[in-house]
PDB file of N, CA and C in Angstrom:
ATOM      1  N   MET A   1     -32.192  36.605 -23.808  1.00  0.00           N
ATOM      2  CA  MET A   1     -33.362  36.324 -22.994  1.00  0.00           C
ATOM      3  C   MET A   1     -33.406  34.824 -22.686  1.00  0.00           C
ATOM      4  N   LEU A   2     -33.809  34.524 -21.462  1.00  0.00           N
ATOM      5  CA  LEU A   2     -33.831  33.166 -20.886  1.00  0.00           C
ATOM      6  C   LEU A   2     -35.311  32.626 -21.407  1.00  0.00           C
ATOM      7  N   SER A   3     -35.288  31.343 -21.783  1.00  0.00           N
ATOM      8  CA  SER A   3     -36.341  30.622 -22.093  1.00  0.00           C
ATOM      9  C   SER A   3     -37.219  30.232 -21.024  1.00  0.00           C
ATOM     10  N   ALA A   4     -38.520  30.251 -21.023  1.00  0.00           N
ATOM     11  CA  ALA A   4     -39.374  29.962 -19.908  1.00  0.00           C
ATOM     12  C   ALA A   4     -39.474  28.449 -19.716  1.00  0.00           C
ATOM     13  N   HIS A   5     -39.152  27.693 -20.738  1.00  0.00           N
ATOM     14  CA  HIS A   5     -39.234  26.243 -20.786  1.00  0.00           C
ATOM     15  C   HIS A   5     -37.770  25.658 -20.341  1.00  0.00           C
ATOM     16  N   PRO A   6     -37.754  24.895 -19.264  1.00  0.00           N
ATOM     17  CA  PRO A   6     -36.466  24.305 -18.776  1.00  0.00           C
ATOM     18  C   PRO A   6     -36.063  23.312 -19.784  1.00  0.00           C
ATOM     19  N   VAL A   7     -34.724  23.185 -20.054  1.00  0.00           N
ATOM     20  CA  VAL A   7     -34.133  22.010 -20.923  1.00  0.00           C
ATOM     21  C   VAL A   7     -33.788  20.960 -20.152  1.00  0.00           C
ATOM     22  N   PRO A   8     -34.333  19.783 -20.372  1.00  0.00           N
ATOM     23  CA  PRO A   8     -34.004  18.569 -19.587  1.00  0.00           C
ATOM     24  C   PRO A   8     -32.508  18.278 -19.699  1.00  0.00           C
ATOM     25  N   ALA A   9     -31.865  17.986 -18.584  1.00  0.00           N
ATOM     26  CA  ALA A   9     -30.499  17.623 -18.534  1.00  0.00           C
ATOM     27  C   ALA A   9     -30.231  16.248 -19.057  1.00  0.00           C
ATOM     28  N   ALA A  10     -29.361  15.906 -19.937  1.00  0.00           N
ATOM     29  CA  ALA A  10     -29.108  14.665 -20.341  1.00  0.00           C
ATOM     30  C   ALA A  10     -28.345  13.925 -19.149  1.00  0.00           C
ATOM     31  N   SER A  11     -28.689  12.565 -19.219  1.00  0.00           N
ATOM     32  CA  SER A  11     -28.224  11.767 -18.069  1.00  0.00           C
ATOM     33  C   SER A  11     -26.782  11.405 -18.216  1.00  0.00           C
ATOM     34  N   SER A  12     -26.263  11.388 -19.521  1.00  0.00           N
ATOM     35  CA  SER A  12     -24.807  11.115 -19.853  1.00  0.00           C
ATOM     36  C   SER A  12     -24.436  11.718 -21.190  1.00  0.00           C
ATOM     37  N   THR A  13     -23.482  12.675 -21.086  1.00  0.00           N
ATOM     38  CA  THR A  13     -23.169  13.341 -22.417  1.00  0.00           C
ATOM     39  C   THR A  13     -21.912  12.569 -22.972  1.00  0.00           C
ATOM     40  N   PRO A  14     -21.756  12.541 -24.311  1.00  0.00           N
ATOM     41  CA  PRO A  14     -20.557  11.834 -24.833  1.00  0.00           C
ATOM     42  C   PRO A  14     -19.175  12.386 -24.182  1.00  0.00           C
ATOM     43  N   SER A  15     -19.196  13.578 -23.792  1.00  0.00           N
ATOM     44  CA  SER A  15     -17.880  14.059 -23.132  1.00  0.00           C
ATOM     45  C   SER A  15     -17.693  13.528 -21.749  1.00  0.00           C
ATOM     46  N   THR A  16     -18.681  13.177 -21.043  1.00  0.00           N
ATOM     47  CA  THR A  16     -18.566  12.544 -19.650  1.00  0.00           C
ATOM     48  C   THR A  16     -18.125  11.125 -19.741  1.00  0.00           C
ATOM     49  N   PRO A  17     -16.944  10.804 -19.095  1.00  0.00           N
ATOM     50  CA  PRO A  17     -16.490   9.330 -19.034  1.00  0.00           C
ATOM     51  C   PRO A  17     -17.540   8.616 -18.319  1.00  0.00           C
ATOM     52  N   CYS A  18     -17.672   7.289 -18.825  1.00  0.00           N
ATOM     53  CA  CYS A  18     -18.676   6.461 -18.299  1.00  0.00           C
ATOM     54  C   CYS A  18     -18.298   6.014 -16.769  1.00  0.00           C
ATOM     55  N   TRP A  19     -16.979   6.027 -16.441  1.00  0.00           N
ATOM     56  CA  TRP A  19     -16.659   5.647 -15.056  1.00  0.00           C
ATOM     57  C   TRP A  19     -17.189   6.726 -14.032  1.00  0.00           C
ATOM     58  N   GLN A  20     -17.571   7.866 -14.505  1.00  0.00           N
ATOM     59  CA  GLN A  20     -18.028   8.780 -13.525  1.00  0.00           C
ATOM     60  C   GLN A  20     -19.522   8.672 -13.182  1.00  0.00           C
ATOM     61  N   LEU A  21     -20.108   7.879 -14.072  1.00  0.00           N
ATOM     62  CA  LEU A  21     -21.581   7.755 -13.991  1.00  0.00           C
ATOM     63  C   LEU A  21     -22.039   6.397 -13.585  1.00  0.00           C
ATOM     64  N   GLU A  22     -21.164   5.417 -13.744  1.00  0.00           N
ATOM     65  CA  GLU A  22     -21.697   3.974 -13.471  1.00  0.00           C
ATOM     66  C   GLU A  22     -20.462   3.176 -12.896  1.00  0.00           C
ATOM     67  N   ASP A  23     -20.755   1.917 -12.519  1.00  0.00           N
ATOM     68  CA  ASP A  23     -19.775   1.079 -12.053  1.00  0.00           C
ATOM     69  C   ASP A  23     -18.913   0.551 -13.120  1.00  0.00           C
ATOM     70  N   PHE A  24     -17.714   0.296 -12.713  1.00  0.00           N
ATOM     71  CA  PHE A  24     -16.671  -0.224 -13.717  1.00  0.00           C
ATOM     72  C   PHE A  24     -15.661  -1.134 -13.134  1.00  0.00           C
ATOM     73  N   VAL A  25     -15.098  -1.985 -14.122  1.00  0.00           N
ATOM     74  CA  VAL A  25     -14.115  -2.920 -13.738  1.00  0.00           C
ATOM     75  C   VAL A  25     -12.832  -2.526 -14.465  1.00  0.00           C
ATOM     76  N   VAL A  26     -11.726  -2.663 -13.663  1.00  0.00           N
ATOM     77  CA  VAL A  26     -10.355  -2.307 -14.339  1.00  0.00           C
ATOM     78  C   VAL A  26      -9.933  -3.477 -15.179  1.00  0.00           C
ATOM     79  N   ALA A  27      -9.943  -3.244 -16.430  1.00  0.00           N
ATOM     80  CA  ALA A  27      -9.521  -4.241 -17.479  1.00  0.00           C
ATOM     81  C   ALA A  27      -8.056  -4.450 -17.584  1.00  0.00           C
ATOM     82  N   GLN A  28      -7.312  -3.362 -17.386  1.00  0.00           N
ATOM     83  CA  GLN A  28      -5.793  -3.299 -17.423  1.00  0.00           C
ATOM     84  C   GLN A  28      -5.268  -2.342 -16.371  1.00  0.00           C
ATOM     85  N   GLU A  29      -4.328  -2.857 -15.601  1.00  0.00           N
ATOM     86  CA  GLU A  29      -3.822  -2.047 -14.535  1.00  0.00           C
ATOM     87  C   GLU A  29      -3.152  -0.865 -14.915  1.00  0.00           C
ATOM     88  N   CYS A  30      -2.922  -0.030 -14.015  1.00  0.00           N
ATOM     89  CA  CYS A  30      -2.340   1.280 -14.260  1.00  0.00           C
ATOM     90  C   CYS A  30      -0.899   0.999 -14.760  1.00  0.00           C
ATOM     91  N   GLY A  31      -0.684   1.835 -15.858  1.00  0.00           N
ATOM     92  CA  GLY A  31       0.710   1.502 -16.621  1.00  0.00           C
ATOM     93  C   GLY A  31       1.038   2.848 -17.248  1.00  0.00           C
ATOM     94  N   ARG A  32       2.404   3.031 -17.617  1.00  0.00           N
ATOM     95  CA  ARG A  32       2.959   4.200 -18.193  1.00  0.00           C
ATOM     96  C   ARG A  32       2.375   4.270 -19.560  1.00  0.00           C
ATOM     97  N   CYS A  33       1.995   5.485 -20.111  1.00  0.00           N
ATOM     98  CA  CYS A  33       1.660   5.676 -21.457  1.00  0.00           C
ATOM     99  C   CYS A  33       2.761   5.513 -22.401  1.00  0.00           C
ATOM    100  N   SER A  34       2.494   4.880 -23.548  1.00  0.00           N
ATOM    101  CA  SER A  34       3.547   4.880 -24.695  1.00  0.00           C
ATOM    102  C   SER A  34       3.502   6.137 -25.174  1.00  0.00           C
ATOM    103  N   SER A  35       4.626   6.388 -25.980  1.00  0.00           N
ATOM    104  CA  SER A  35       4.769   7.637 -26.787  1.00  0.00           C
ATOM    105  C   SER A  35       3.511   8.036 -27.672  1.00  0.00           C
ATOM    106  N   PHE A  36       2.978   6.973 -28.322  1.00  0.00           N
ATOM    107  CA  PHE A  36       1.903   7.203 -29.188  1.00  0.00           C
ATOM    108  C   PHE A  36       0.669   7.547 -28.303  1.00  0.00           C
ATOM    109  N   GLN A  37       0.407   6.762 -27.223  1.00  0.00           N
ATOM    110  CA  GLN A  37      -0.654   7.156 -26.292  1.00  0.00           C
ATOM    111  C   GLN A  37      -0.479   8.564 -25.701  1.00  0.00           C
ATOM    112  N   ALA A  38       0.770   8.878 -25.411  1.00  0.00           N
ATOM    113  CA  ALA A  38       0.787  10.222 -24.994  1.00  0.00           C
ATOM    114  C   ALA A  38       0.429  11.320 -25.790  1.00  0.00           C
ATOM    115  N   LYS A  39       0.428  11.099 -27.084  1.00  0.00           N
ATOM    116  CA  LYS A  39       0.030  12.092 -28.096  1.00  0.00           C
ATOM    117  C   LYS A  39      -1.428  11.910 -28.515  1.00  0.00           C
ATOM    118  N   THR A  40      -2.025  10.707 -28.352  1.00  0.00           N
ATOM    119  CA  THR A  40      -3.279  10.414 -28.910  1.00  0.00           C
ATOM    120  C   THR A  40      -4.309  10.406 -27.695  1.00  0.00           C
ATOM    121  N   VAL A  41      -4.069   9.831 -26.537  1.00  0.00           N
ATOM    122  CA  VAL A  41      -4.965   9.651 -25.348  1.00  0.00           C
ATOM    123  C   VAL A  41      -4.951  10.820 -24.476  1.00  0.00           C
ATOM    124  N   PRO A  42      -5.894  11.618 -24.427  1.00  0.00           N
ATOM    125  CA  PRO A  42      -5.904  12.897 -23.444  1.00  0.00           C
ATOM    126  C   PRO A  42      -5.689  12.520 -22.045  1.00  0.00           C
ATOM    127  N   GLU A  43      -6.225  11.309 -21.605  1.00  0.00           N
ATOM    128  CA  GLU A  43      -6.082  10.954 -20.195  1.00  0.00           C
ATOM    129  C   GLU A  43      -4.627  10.828 -19.668  1.00  0.00           C
ATOM    130  N   CYS A  44      -3.704  10.700 -20.848  1.00  0.00           N
ATOM    131  CA  CYS A  44      -2.226  10.413 -20.369  1.00  0.00           C
ATOM    132  C   CYS A  44      -1.536  11.785 -19.916  1.00  0.00           C
ATOM    133  N   GLY A  45      -2.282  12.853 -20.176  1.00  0.00           N
ATOM    134  CA  GLY A  45      -1.773  14.222 -19.846  1.00  0.00           C
ATOM    135  C   GLY A  45      -1.479  14.522 -18.374  1.00  0.00           C
ATOM    136  N   PRO A  46      -2.361  14.315 -17.515  1.00  0.00           N
ATOM    137  CA  PRO A  46      -2.109  14.671 -16.194  1.00  0.00           C
ATOM    138  C   PRO A  46      -1.029  13.863 -15.451  1.00  0.00           C
ATOM    139  N   THR A  47      -0.998  12.654 -15.494  1.00  0.00           N
ATOM    140  CA  THR A  47       0.013  11.842 -14.852  1.00  0.00           C
ATOM    141  C   THR A  47       1.030  10.990 -15.765  1.00  0.00           C
ATOM    142  N   GLY A  48       0.614  10.871 -16.866  1.00  0.00           N
ATOM    143  CA  GLY A  48       1.565  10.016 -17.802  1.00  0.00           C
ATOM    144  C   GLY A  48       1.289   8.571 -17.657  1.00  0.00           C
ATOM    145  N   PHE A  49       0.159   8.244 -16.878  1.00  0.00           N
ATOM    146  CA  PHE A  49      -0.146   6.914 -16.694  1.00  0.00           C
ATOM    147  C   PHE A  49      -1.617   6.695 -16.874  1.00  0.00           C
ATOM    148  N   VAL A  50      -2.098   5.505 -17.457  1.00  0.00           N
ATOM    149  CA  VAL A  50      -3.488   5.174 -17.628  1.00  0.00           C
ATOM    150  C   VAL A  50      -3.750   3.736 -17.257  1.00  0.00           C
ATOM    151  N   GLU A  51      -5.078   3.552 -17.089  1.00  0.00           N
ATOM    152  CA  GLU A  51      -5.609   2.156 -16.856  1.00  0.00           C
ATOM    153  C   GLU A  51      -6.768   2.065 -17.760  1.00  0.00           C
ATOM    154  N   ARG A  52      -6.948   0.929 -18.388  1.00  0.00           N
ATOM    155  CA  ARG A  52      -8.179   0.671 -19.076  1.00  0.00           C
ATOM    156  C   ARG A  52      -9.282   0.182 -18.251  1.00  0.00           C
ATOM    157  N   ILE A  53     -10.383   0.641 -18.444  1.00  0.00           N
ATOM    158  CA  ILE A  53     -11.556   0.321 -17.594  1.00  0.00           C
ATOM    159  C   ILE A  53     -12.804  -0.112 -18.604  1.00  0.00           C
ATOM    160  N   SER A  54     -13.516  -1.024 -17.973  1.00  0.00           N
ATOM    161  CA  SER A  54     -14.750  -1.463 -18.701  1.00  0.00           C
ATOM    162  C   SER A  54     -16.015  -0.971 -17.852  1.00  0.00           C
ATOM    163  N   CYS A  55     -16.869  -0.289 -18.369  1.00  0.00           N
ATOM    164  CA  CYS A  55     -18.035   0.284 -17.681  1.00  0.00           C
ATOM    165  C   CYS A  55     -19.172  -0.931 -17.774  1.00  0.00           C
ATOM    166  N   ALA A  56     -19.799  -1.050 -16.655  1.00  0.00           N
ATOM    167  CA  ALA A  56     -20.736  -2.294 -16.522  1.00  0.00           C
ATOM    168  C   ALA A  56     -22.030  -2.075 -17.371  1.00  0.00           C
ATOM    169  N   ALA A  57     -22.663  -0.960 -17.222  1.00  0.00           N
ATOM    170  CA  ALA A  57     -23.994  -0.757 -17.887  1.00  0.00           C
ATOM    171  C   ALA A  57     -23.902  -0.348 -19.330  1.00  0.00           C
ATOM    172  N   SER A  58     -22.952   0.386 -19.784  1.00  0.00           N
ATOM    173  CA  SER A  58     -22.854   0.735 -21.189  1.00  0.00           C
ATOM    174  C   SER A  58     -21.900  -0.090 -21.962  1.00  0.00           C
ATOM    175  N   LYS A  59     -21.050  -1.022 -21.312  1.00  0.00           N
ATOM    176  CA  LYS A  59     -20.262  -1.943 -21.996  1.00  0.00           C
ATOM    177  C   LYS A  59     -19.067  -1.190 -22.873  1.00  0.00           C
ATOM    178  N   ARG A  60     -18.814   0.014 -22.288  1.00  0.00           N
ATOM    179  CA  ARG A  60     -17.701   0.656 -23.136  1.00  0.00           C
ATOM    180  C   ARG A  60     -16.366   0.465 -22.367  1.00  0.00           C
ATOM    181  N   ASP A  61     -15.347   0.493 -23.209  1.00  0.00           N
ATOM    182  CA  ASP A  61     -13.952   0.506 -22.744  1.00  0.00           C
ATOM    183  C   ASP A  61     -13.331   1.911 -22.928  1.00  0.00           C
ATOM    184  N   GLU A  62     -12.842   2.456 -21.861  1.00  0.00           N
ATOM    185  CA  GLU A  62     -12.213   3.720 -21.767  1.00  0.00           C
ATOM    186  C   GLU A  62     -11.006   3.739 -20.948  1.00  0.00           C
ATOM    187  N   PHE A  63     -10.190   4.773 -21.167  1.00  0.00           N
ATOM    188  CA  PHE A  63      -8.965   5.086 -20.428  1.00  0.00           C
ATOM    189  C   PHE A  63      -9.249   5.920 -19.314  1.00  0.00           C
ATOM    190  N   LYS A  64      -8.531   5.726 -18.164  1.00  0.00           N
ATOM    191  CA  LYS A  64      -8.842   6.642 -16.987  1.00  0.00           C
ATOM    192  C   LYS A  64      -7.331   6.917 -16.564  1.00  0.00           C
ATOM    193  N   SER A  65      -7.106   8.140 -16.266  1.00  0.00           N
ATOM    194  CA  SER A  65      -5.816   8.684 -15.656  1.00  0.00           C
ATOM    195  C   SER A  65      -5.687   7.972 -14.410  1.00  0.00           C
ATOM    196  N   CYS A  66      -4.409   7.658 -13.946  1.00  0.00           N
ATOM    197  CA  CYS A  66      -4.139   6.903 -12.745  1.00  0.00           C
ATOM    198  C   CYS A  66      -2.799   7.451 -12.181  1.00  0.00           C
ATOM    199  N   ARG A  67      -2.489   7.134 -11.007  1.00  0.00           N
ATOM    200  CA  ARG A  67      -1.146   7.409 -10.430  1.00  0.00           C
ATOM    201  C   ARG A  67      -0.547   6.220 -10.057  1.00  0.00           C
ATOM    202  N   SER A  68       0.826   6.088 -10.510  1.00  0.00           N
ATOM    203  CA  SER A  68       1.503   4.878 -10.412  1.00  0.00           C
ATOM    204  C   SER A  68       2.026   4.777  -8.859  1.00  0.00           C
ATOM    205  N   ALA A  69       1.844   3.652  -8.206  1.00  0.00           N
ATOM    206  CA  ALA A  69       2.350   3.452  -6.863  1.00  0.00           C
ATOM    207  C   ALA A  69       3.865   3.472  -6.833  1.00  0.00           C
ATOM    208  N   VAL A  70       4.579   2.882  -7.892  1.00  0.00           N
ATOM    209  CA  VAL A  70       5.919   2.861  -7.807  1.00  0.00           C
ATOM    210  C   VAL A  70       6.509   4.348  -8.031  1.00  0.00           C
ATOM    211  N   LEU A  71       5.842   5.098  -8.910  1.00  0.00           N
ATOM    212  CA  LEU A  71       6.435   6.377  -9.072  1.00  0.00           C
ATOM    213  C   LEU A  71       6.140   7.285  -7.910  1.00  0.00           C
ATOM    214  N   GLU A  72       5.005   7.203  -7.153  1.00  0.00           N
ATOM    215  CA  GLU A  72       4.691   7.804  -6.039  1.00  0.00           C
ATOM    216  C   GLU A  72       5.662   7.454  -4.855  1.00  0.00           C
ATOM    217  N   ALA A  73       5.989   6.353  -4.786  1.00  0.00           N
ATOM    218  CA  ALA A  73       7.054   5.729  -3.765  1.00  0.00           C
ATOM    219  C   ALA A  73       8.482   6.395  -4.067  1.00  0.00           C
ATOM    220  N   HIS A  74       8.804   6.505  -5.370  1.00  0.00           N
ATOM    221  CA  HIS A  74      10.037   6.956  -5.648  1.00  0.00           C
ATOM    222  C   HIS A  74      10.141   8.595  -5.373  1.00  0.00           C
ATOM    223  N   VAL A  75       9.143   9.216  -5.642  1.00  0.00           N
ATOM    224  CA  VAL A  75       8.898  10.602  -5.388  1.00  0.00           C
ATOM    225  C   VAL A  75       8.979  10.827  -3.820  1.00  0.00           C
ATOM    226  N   PHE A  76       8.309   9.995  -3.124  1.00  0.00           N
ATOM    227  CA  PHE A  76       8.265  10.247  -1.570  1.00  0.00           C
ATOM    228  C   PHE A  76       9.687  10.001  -1.116  1.00  0.00           C
ATOM    229  N   TRP A  77      10.426   8.954  -1.408  1.00  0.00           N
ATOM    230  CA  TRP A  77      11.706   8.683  -0.892  1.00  0.00           C
ATOM    231  C   TRP A  77      12.751   9.640  -1.384  1.00  0.00           C
ATOM    232  N   ARG A  78      12.497  10.242  -2.531  1.00  0.00           N
ATOM    233  CA  ARG A  78      13.355  11.445  -2.987  1.00  0.00           C
ATOM    234  C   ARG A  78      13.220  12.583  -2.047  1.00  0.00           C
ATOM    235  N   PHE A  79      11.938  12.869  -1.716  1.00  0.00           N
ATOM    236  CA  PHE A  79      11.557  14.007  -0.766  1.00  0.00           C
ATOM    237  C   PHE A  79      12.165  13.668   0.569  1.00  0.00           C
ATOM    238  N   VAL A  80      12.011  12.601   1.145  1.00  0.00           N
ATOM    239  CA  VAL A  80      12.581  12.204   2.315  1.00  0.00           C
ATOM    240  C   VAL A  80      14.090  12.398   2.354  1.00  0.00           C
ATOM    241  N   GLY A  81      14.724  11.824   1.333  1.00  0.00           N
ATOM    242  CA  GLY A  81      16.207  12.060   1.204  1.00  0.00           C
ATOM    243  C   GLY A  81      16.636  13.504   1.135  1.00  0.00           C
ATOM    244  N   THR A  82      15.957  14.265   0.533  1.00  0.00           N
ATOM    245  CA  THR A  82      16.159  15.721   0.346  1.00  0.00           C
ATOM    246  C   THR A  82      16.137  16.314   1.735  1.00  0.00           C
ATOM    247  N   MET A  83      14.983  16.011   2.423  1.00  0.00           N
ATOM    248  CA  MET A  83      14.815  16.660   3.875  1.00  0.00           C
ATOM    249  C   MET A  83      15.853  16.268   4.829  1.00  0.00           C
ATOM    250  N   MET A  84      16.311  14.970   4.691  1.00  0.00           N
ATOM    251  CA  MET A  84      17.453  14.470   5.551  1.00  0.00           C
ATOM    252  C   MET A  84      18.782  15.266   5.270  1.00  0.00           C
ATOM    253  N   CYS A  85      19.053  15.455   4.062  1.00  0.00           N
ATOM    254  CA  CYS A  85      20.184  16.297   3.711  1.00  0.00           C
ATOM    255  C   CYS A  85      20.196  17.813   4.170  1.00  0.00           C
ATOM    256  N   VAL A  86      18.911  18.297   4.096  1.00  0.00           N
ATOM    257  CA  VAL A  86      18.585  19.674   4.460  1.00  0.00           C
ATOM    258  C   VAL A  86      18.879  19.750   6.054  1.00  0.00           C
ATOM    259  N   ALA A  87      18.266  18.727   6.719  1.00  0.00           N
ATOM    260  CA  ALA A  87      18.485  18.650   8.146  1.00  0.00           C
ATOM    261  C   ALA A  87      19.824  18.483   8.568  1.00  0.00           C
ATOM    262  N   ALA A  88      20.650  17.624   7.879  1.00  0.00           N
ATOM    263  CA  ALA A  88      22.001  17.478   8.191  1.00  0.00           C
ATOM    264  C   ALA A  88      22.816  18.791   8.013  1.00  0.00           C
ATOM    265  N   VAL A  89      22.509  19.588   6.981  1.00  0.00           N
ATOM    266  CA  VAL A  89      23.148  20.797   6.671  1.00  0.00           C
ATOM    267  C   VAL A  89      22.905  21.771   7.956  1.00  0.00           C
ATOM    268  N   PHE A  90      21.648  21.885   8.260  1.00  0.00           N
ATOM    269  CA  PHE A  90      21.204  22.786   9.452  1.00  0.00           C
ATOM    270  C   PHE A  90      21.916  22.352  10.672  1.00  0.00           C
ATOM    271  N   ALA A  91      21.966  21.027  10.935  1.00  0.00           N
ATOM    272  CA  ALA A  91      22.555  20.591  12.135  1.00  0.00           C
ATOM    273  C   ALA A  91      23.894  20.954  12.271  1.00  0.00           C
ATOM    274  N   VAL A  92      24.682  20.838  11.100  1.00  0.00           N
ATOM    275  CA  VAL A  92      25.983  21.346  11.156  1.00  0.00           C
ATOM    276  C   VAL A  92      26.284  22.750  11.365  1.00  0.00           C
ATOM    277  N   LEU A  93      25.259  23.550  10.769  1.00  0.00           N
ATOM    278  CA  LEU A  93      25.304  25.039  11.108  1.00  0.00           C
ATOM    279  C   LEU A  93      25.020  25.285  12.514  1.00  0.00           C
ATOM    280  N   VAL A  94      24.161  24.570  13.220  1.00  0.00           N
ATOM    281  CA  VAL A  94      23.766  24.795  14.571  1.00  0.00           C
ATOM    282  C   VAL A  94      25.021  24.472  15.418  1.00  0.00           C
ATOM    283  N   VAL A  95      25.682  23.375  15.126  1.00  0.00           N
ATOM    284  CA  VAL A  95      26.816  22.987  15.871  1.00  0.00           C
ATOM    285  C   VAL A  95      27.984  24.059  15.682  1.00  0.00           C
ATOM    286  N   CYS A  96      28.153  24.671  14.493  1.00  0.00           N
ATOM    287  CA  CYS A  96      29.185  25.670  14.332  1.00  0.00           C
ATOM    288  C   CYS A  96      28.843  26.911  14.995  1.00  0.00           C
ATOM    289  N   ARG A  97      27.608  27.323  14.972  1.00  0.00           N
ATOM    290  CA  ARG A  97      27.062  28.554  15.626  1.00  0.00           C
ATOM    291  C   ARG A  97      27.317  28.420  17.129  1.00  0.00           C
ATOM    292  N   GLN A  98      26.935  27.273  17.616  1.00  0.00           N
ATOM    293  CA  GLN A  98      27.043  27.017  19.016  1.00  0.00           C
ATOM    294  C   GLN A  98      28.459  27.185  19.486  1.00  0.00           C
ATOM    295  N   ARG A  99      29.443  26.653  18.720  1.00  0.00           N
ATOM    296  CA  ARG A  99      30.799  26.633  19.080  1.00  0.00           C
ATOM    297  C   ARG A  99      31.259  28.106  19.026  1.00  0.00           C
ATOM    298  N   VAL A 100      30.841  29.040  18.130  1.00  0.00           N
ATOM    299  CA  VAL A 100      31.181  30.336  18.082  1.00  0.00           C
ATOM    300  C   VAL A 100      30.653  31.103  19.329  1.00  0.00           C
ATOM    301  N   LEU A 101      29.399  30.851  19.681  1.00  0.00           N
ATOM    302  CA  LEU A 101      28.861  31.380  20.826  1.00  0.00           C
ATOM    303  C   LEU A 101      29.515  31.046  22.100  1.00  0.00           C
ATOM    304  N   ASP A 102      29.937  29.647  22.228  1.00  0.00           N
ATOM    305  CA  ASP A 102      30.585  29.304  23.491  1.00  0.00           C
ATOM    306  C   ASP A 102      31.939  29.960  23.526  1.00  0.00           C
ATOM    307  N   ARG A 103      32.685  30.143  22.433  1.00  0.00           N
ATOM    308  CA  ARG A 103      33.979  30.905  22.503  1.00  0.00           C
ATOM    309  C   ARG A 103      33.838  32.343  22.869  1.00  0.00           C
ATOM    310  N   LYS A 104      32.730  33.005  22.386  1.00  0.00           N
ATOM    311  CA  LYS A 104      32.601  34.428  22.801  1.00  0.00           C
ATOM    312  C   LYS A 104      32.265  34.443  24.253  1.00  0.00           C
ATOM    313  N   ALA A 105      31.406  33.481  24.703  1.00  0.00           N
ATOM    314  CA  ALA A 105      31.087  33.513  26.206  1.00  0.00           C
ATOM    315  C   ALA A 105      32.257  33.194  27.101  1.00  0.00           C
ATOM    316  N   LEU A 106      33.084  32.424  26.699  1.00  0.00           N
ATOM    317  CA  LEU A 106      34.273  32.082  27.482  1.00  0.00           C
ATOM    318  C   LEU A 106      35.284  33.271  27.349  1.00  0.00           C
ATOM    319  N   GLU A 107      35.409  33.856  26.350  1.00  0.00           N
ATOM    320  CA  GLU A 107      36.188  35.169  26.266  1.00  0.00           C
ATOM    321  C   GLU A 107      35.695  36.336  27.001  1.00  0.00           C
ATOM    322  N   LYS A 108      34.355  36.381  27.064  1.00  0.00           N
ATOM    323  CA  LYS A 108      33.765  37.389  28.011  1.00  0.00           C
ATOM    324  C   LYS A 108      34.115  37.013  29.436  1.00  0.00           C
ATOM    325  N   VAL A 109      33.889  35.792  29.824  1.00  0.00           N
ATOM    326  CA  VAL A 109      34.138  35.443  31.084  1.00  0.00           C
ATOM    327  C   VAL A 109      35.633  35.544  31.594  1.00  0.00           C
ATOM    328  N   ARG A 110      36.599  35.313  30.552  1.00  0.00           N
ATOM    329  CA  ARG A 110      38.064  35.456  30.799  1.00  0.00           C
ATOM    330  C   ARG A 110      38.236  36.964  31.025  1.00  0.00           C
ATOM    331  N   LYS A 111      37.664  37.841  30.287  1.00  0.00           N
ATOM    332  CA  LYS A 111      38.086  39.234  30.382  1.00  0.00           C
ATOM    333  C   LYS A 111      37.566  39.805  31.746  1.00  0.00           C
ATOM    334  N   GLN A 112      36.411  39.270  32.179  1.00  0.00           N
ATOM    335  CA  GLN A 112      35.700  39.629  33.399  1.00  0.00           C
ATOM    336  C   GLN A 112      36.668  39.258  34.672  1.00  0.00           C
ATOM    337  N   ILE A 113      37.232  38.050  34.526  1.00  0.00           N
ATOM    338  CA  ILE A 113      38.015  37.584  35.556  1.00  0.00           C
ATOM    339  C   ILE A 113      39.537  38.321  35.549  1.00  0.00           C
ATOM    340  N   GLU A 114      40.036  38.757  34.327  1.00  0.00           N
ATOM    341  CA  GLU A 114      41.326  39.401  34.419  1.00  0.00           C
ATOM    342  C   GLU A 114      41.061  40.873  34.873  1.00  0.00           C
ATOM    343  N   SER A 115      39.916  41.352  34.736  1.00  0.00           N
ATOM    344  CA  SER A 115      39.693  42.726  35.269  1.00  0.00           C
ATOM    345  C   SER A 115      39.538  42.807  36.756  1.00  0.00           C
ATOM    346  N   ILE A 116      39.428  41.775  37.461  1.00  0.00           N
ATOM    347  CA  ILE A 116      39.250  41.768  38.907  1.00  0.00           C
ATOM    348  C   ILE A 116      40.626  41.976  39.499  1.00  0.00           C
TER     349      ILE A 116
END
């Protein structure tokens, strides 16, 4: 049964990171998690990179998951290279198919001329 009295919502719970609720300053730039951090810091999980931040109002230092620009660039160029290779393969297939179709068309024209 629901209570008739509303429960006031807390402004910040211990599970909510301070950087979601207040202004912060990046204390340490985005960097790869060490093997120890990967096991102990839950923020390392999503990307494998974290940055240390200092929240202004609460004066707390916390870790925040981040994306590495170098890693993002590496993944992007790997994707571009893969797409270039796929495009080259299909271009070769198109040229080969066009040659086969041209030969068939020439053979058909040759047979029509011979039948006259």
